[in-house]
């Protein structure tokens, strides 16, 4: 079989195998390029937080805070939270929040406190539509430590804030734009389960086939344009 015939067949069959994924890569990249990444991440709706003056004396010592938390600390941090000074005690994935002035153990957060955190973090004028405690794995917050409070606002993008019940921190901001972006991201990296692994074997194989198809196509172009056989008269 002549090389030109082999590469024609090779290029055709590779096109049939990988052509759809090439289209999805192009369409996915085209669609994702339209989104402002700050809007995808919900960062355009983050409110400016009031900060506690951590240089002022506090009433609760770190040892008292640790005793109140019930944890064996690996890390202790004095931070501002809802305008107050708090101790954040961490033991692996376990966290506890203690008021540095009153000694109150704040975590686990109740629904009312979660609402306060969400309203303080959200810069829009819309109200809270729904609050629910997420205790089972959820695709929107894959990799985040549960349980989380999900607070949904009434804005046109259905902004959802996810607040750690242990640390009181907003650990994720999601919206409908993020959901659409995430769908095309899944198609782009070909990780249809976790949507995080862009080194998965399926993507590597598809990329290799796409390279081979491109090289065979390049060979055919060069061969037919620059080395086109002359027809006998």
Protein backbone atom coordinates (compact mmCIF):
# COMPACT_ATOMS: atom_id res chain seq x y z
CA UNK A 1 0.00 0.00 0.00
CA UNK A 2 1.32 3.39 -0.98
CA UNK A 3 2.04 5.79 1.95
CA UNK A 4 -0.46 8.36 0.63
CA UNK A 5 -3.26 5.77 0.62
CA UNK A 6 -2.32 4.53 4.10
CA UNK A 7 -2.33 8.03 5.57
CA UNK A 8 -5.65 8.87 3.93
CA UNK A 9 -7.29 5.87 5.58
CA UNK A 10 -5.43 6.48 8.85
CA UNK A 11 -6.54 10.13 8.93
CA UNK A 12 -10.15 9.25 8.05
CA UNK A 13 -10.54 6.63 10.79
CA UNK A 14 -8.85 8.80 13.41
CA UNK A 15 -11.23 11.59 12.44
CA UNK A 16 -14.19 9.28 13.01
CA UNK A 17 -12.84 8.19 16.40
CA UNK A 18 -11.70 11.52 17.82
CA UNK A 19 -13.67 14.03 15.75
CA UNK A 20 -16.53 14.45 18.25
CA UNK A 21 -14.15 15.11 21.14
CA UNK A 22 -12.25 17.65 19.05
CA UNK A 23 -15.55 19.44 18.47
CA UNK A 24 -16.32 19.34 22.21
CA UNK A 25 -12.88 20.77 23.01
CA UNK A 26 -13.39 23.65 20.60
CA UNK A 27 -16.98 24.34 21.66
CA UNK A 28 -16.07 24.06 25.35
CA UNK A 29 -13.17 26.47 25.02
CA UNK A 30 -15.32 28.84 22.96
CA UNK A 31 -18.16 28.86 25.52
CA UNK A 32 -15.89 29.15 28.57
CA UNK A 33 -14.04 32.09 27.03
CA UNK A 34 -17.26 34.12 27.20
CA UNK A 35 -17.52 33.90 31.01
CA UNK A 36 -15.93 36.36 33.40
CA UNK A 37 -14.10 34.06 35.81
CA UNK A 38 -14.94 36.36 38.76
CA UNK A 39 -18.65 35.93 38.01
CA UNK A 40 -18.20 32.17 37.64
CA UNK A 41 -16.60 32.06 41.10
CA UNK A 42 -19.16 34.46 42.56
CA UNK A 43 -16.40 36.86 43.59
CA UNK A 44 -18.26 39.88 42.19
CA UNK A 45 -20.81 39.51 45.01
CA UNK A 46 -18.36 39.39 47.93
CA UNK A 47 -19.06 42.15 50.45
CA UNK A 48 -16.35 44.04 52.32
CA UNK A 49 -16.07 42.53 55.78
CA UNK A 50 -15.90 44.51 59.01
CA UNK A 51 -12.65 43.63 60.76
CA UNK A 52 -12.09 43.22 64.47
CA UNK A 53 -9.07 44.98 65.96
CA UNK A 54 -6.87 42.02 66.84
CA UNK A 55 -4.28 44.30 68.48
CA UNK A 56 -6.64 44.96 71.37
CA UNK A 57 -6.48 42.80 74.56
CA UNK A 58 -8.68 39.72 74.55
CA UNK A 59 -10.35 38.04 77.52
CA UNK A 60 -9.93 34.38 76.56
CA UNK A 61 -6.44 32.90 76.43
CA UNK A 62 -5.44 30.34 73.85
CA UNK A 63 -5.35 27.60 76.51
CA UNK A 64 -8.88 28.45 77.60
CA UNK A 65 -10.06 28.40 73.99
CA UNK A 66 -8.43 25.00 73.41
CA UNK A 67 -10.07 23.60 76.54
CA UNK A 68 -13.43 24.90 75.36
CA UNK A 69 -12.99 23.40 71.88
CA UNK A 70 -12.39 19.84 73.06
CA UNK A 71 -9.78 19.35 70.32
CA UNK A 72 -6.11 18.47 70.43
CA UNK A 73 -4.87 21.39 68.32
CA UNK A 74 -2.51 21.14 65.39
CA UNK A 75 -3.02 24.81 64.56
CA UNK A 76 -4.51 27.76 66.45
CA UNK A 77 -5.33 31.08 64.83
CA UNK A 78 -6.67 34.35 66.21
CA UNK A 79 -8.82 35.91 63.49
CA UNK A 80 -11.65 38.31 62.75
CA UNK A 81 -15.06 36.74 62.18
CA UNK A 82 -18.29 38.73 61.81
CA UNK A 83 -16.48 41.73 63.24
CA UNK A 84 -15.41 39.88 66.41
CA UNK A 85 -12.13 38.33 67.51
CA UNK A 86 -12.30 34.53 67.56
CA UNK A 87 -9.98 31.60 68.09
CA UNK A 88 -9.99 29.02 65.28
CA UNK A 89 -8.65 25.69 66.55
CA UNK A 90 -7.83 22.99 63.99
CA UNK A 91 -7.19 19.27 64.44
CA UNK A 92 -6.91 17.71 61.00
CA UNK A 93 -10.25 18.27 59.29
CA UNK A 94 -11.92 19.04 62.62
CA UNK A 95 -12.26 22.71 63.52
CA UNK A 96 -13.76 24.69 66.36
CA UNK A 97 -14.56 28.39 66.64
CA UNK A 98 -14.37 30.08 70.06
CA UNK A 99 -15.25 33.71 70.82
CA UNK A 100 -12.05 35.34 72.09
CA UNK A 101 -13.94 37.75 74.38
CA UNK A 102 -16.69 35.60 75.89
CA UNK A 103 -15.26 32.08 75.54
CA UNK A 104 -18.46 30.93 73.80
CA UNK A 105 -18.03 27.83 71.62
CA UNK A 106 -19.59 29.02 68.37
CA UNK A 107 -19.28 25.83 66.32
CA UNK A 108 -21.09 23.88 65.13
CA UNK A 109 -22.95 26.82 63.58
CA UNK A 110 -26.72 26.83 63.83
CA UNK A 111 -28.95 28.04 61.00
CA UNK A 112 -29.32 31.55 62.40
CA UNK A 113 -25.54 32.04 62.58
CA UNK A 114 -25.14 30.64 59.06
CA UNK A 115 -27.63 33.27 57.86
CA UNK A 116 -25.59 36.00 59.54
CA UNK A 117 -22.39 34.79 57.86
CA UNK A 118 -24.10 34.63 54.45
CA UNK A 119 -25.63 38.11 54.74
CA UNK A 120 -22.28 39.55 55.83
CA UNK A 121 -20.49 37.92 52.87
CA UNK A 122 -23.08 38.80 50.20
CA UNK A 123 -22.94 42.25 48.61
CA UNK A 124 -26.24 42.11 46.69
CA UNK A 125 -29.60 43.49 47.76
CA UNK A 126 -31.45 40.20 47.34
CA UNK A 127 -32.71 38.18 50.29
CA UNK A 128 -32.06 34.62 51.39
CA UNK A 129 -34.38 32.15 49.69
CA UNK A 130 -33.37 28.89 51.34
CA UNK A 131 -31.00 27.48 53.95
CA UNK A 132 -30.20 23.79 54.29
CA UNK A 133 -27.54 21.68 55.93
CA UNK A 134 -25.56 19.56 53.46
CA UNK A 135 -24.30 16.35 55.07
CA UNK A 136 -23.94 14.12 52.00
CA UNK A 137 -21.37 14.63 49.19
CA UNK A 138 -22.50 17.19 46.64
CA UNK A 139 -20.94 17.81 43.23
CA UNK A 140 -20.88 21.58 43.66
CA UNK A 141 -18.64 21.32 46.71
CA UNK A 142 -16.64 18.20 45.93
CA UNK A 143 -13.56 17.99 48.12
CA UNK A 144 -14.98 20.24 50.85
CA UNK A 145 -15.30 19.00 54.42
CA UNK A 146 -18.89 18.33 55.43
CA UNK A 147 -21.27 19.31 56.93
CA UNK A 148 -21.86 22.64 55.17
CA UNK A 149 -24.66 25.16 55.33
CA UNK A 150 -25.98 25.93 51.84
CA UNK A 151 -27.50 29.41 51.71
CA UNK A 152 -29.31 30.29 48.46
CA UNK A 153 -30.15 33.88 47.50
CA UNK A 154 -32.98 35.13 45.29
CA UNK A 155 -30.78 36.85 42.68
CA UNK A 156 -31.12 35.96 39.00
CA UNK A 157 -28.02 33.73 39.12
CA UNK A 158 -29.22 31.75 42.17
CA UNK A 159 -26.09 32.52 44.20
CA UNK A 160 -25.30 29.77 46.70
CA UNK A 161 -22.88 30.19 49.57
CA UNK A 162 -21.47 27.15 51.35
CA UNK A 163 -20.47 27.78 54.95
CA UNK A 164 -18.49 25.37 57.09
CA UNK A 165 -20.47 24.36 60.15
CA UNK A 166 -17.17 23.93 62.00
CA UNK A 167 -15.07 26.96 61.04
CA UNK A 168 -17.79 29.44 60.09
CA UNK A 169 -15.95 30.22 56.86
CA UNK A 170 -17.47 30.58 53.40
CA UNK A 171 -15.66 27.71 51.68
CA UNK A 172 -17.38 27.91 48.27
CA UNK A 173 -19.47 30.31 46.18
CA UNK A 174 -21.63 28.82 43.46
CA UNK A 175 -24.27 30.02 41.00
CA UNK A 176 -25.98 28.93 37.79
CA UNK A 177 -23.17 30.44 35.71
CA UNK A 178 -20.69 28.27 37.61
CA UNK A 179 -22.86 25.22 36.95
CA UNK A 180 -22.87 25.86 33.18
CA UNK A 181 -19.13 26.55 33.19
CA UNK A 182 -18.53 23.37 35.19
CA UNK A 183 -20.48 21.30 32.63
CA UNK A 184 -18.30 22.48 29.75
CA UNK A 185 -15.20 22.09 31.93
CA UNK A 186 -16.20 18.43 32.42
CA UNK A 187 -16.47 17.94 28.66
CA UNK A 188 -13.17 19.72 28.14
CA UNK A 189 -11.08 17.62 30.55
CA UNK A 190 -13.09 14.41 30.00
CA UNK A 191 -13.41 13.70 33.71
CA UNK A 192 -17.07 12.76 33.87
CA UNK A 193 -17.06 11.74 37.53
CA UNK A 194 -15.15 14.22 39.71
CA UNK A 195 -14.51 16.93 37.07
CA UNK A 196 -11.12 17.72 38.60
CA UNK A 197 -8.53 15.38 37.03
CA UNK A 198 -7.12 16.82 33.81
CA UNK A 199 -4.42 14.13 33.75
CA UNK A 200 -6.85 11.23 33.48
CA UNK A 201 -6.00 8.40 31.02
CA UNK A 202 -9.02 9.10 28.80
CA UNK A 203 -7.86 12.67 28.16
CA UNK A 204 -4.26 11.58 27.54
CA UNK A 205 -5.36 8.96 24.98
CA UNK A 206 -7.72 11.40 23.25
CA UNK A 207 -4.99 14.04 23.08
CA UNK A 208 -2.53 11.52 21.60
CA UNK A 209 -5.04 10.47 18.93
CA UNK A 210 -5.71 14.13 18.12
CA UNK A 211 -1.97 14.71 17.66
CA UNK A 212 -1.69 11.70 15.37
CA UNK A 213 -4.67 12.89 13.33
CA UNK A 214 -3.11 16.35 13.01
CA UNK A 215 0.23 14.93 11.92
CA UNK A 216 -1.37 12.63 9.35
CA UNK A 217 -3.42 15.55 8.03
CA UNK A 218 -0.28 17.67 7.81
CA UNK A 219 1.46 14.91 5.89
CA UNK A 220 -1.43 14.73 3.40
CA UNK A 221 -1.45 18.52 2.91
CA UNK A 222 2.30 18.66 2.30
CA UNK A 223 2.22 15.62 0.04
CA UNK A 224 -0.69 16.84 -2.09
CA UNK A 225 0.44 20.47 -2.37
CA UNK A 226 4.21 20.29 -2.64
CA UNK A 227 4.75 16.78 -3.92
CA UNK A 228 1.70 16.35 -6.08
CA UNK A 229 2.43 13.70 -8.74
CA UNK A 230 2.36 14.96 -12.30
CA UNK A 231 -0.34 13.51 -14.49
CA UNK A 232 0.83 11.99 -17.75
CA UNK A 233 -0.21 13.94 -20.84
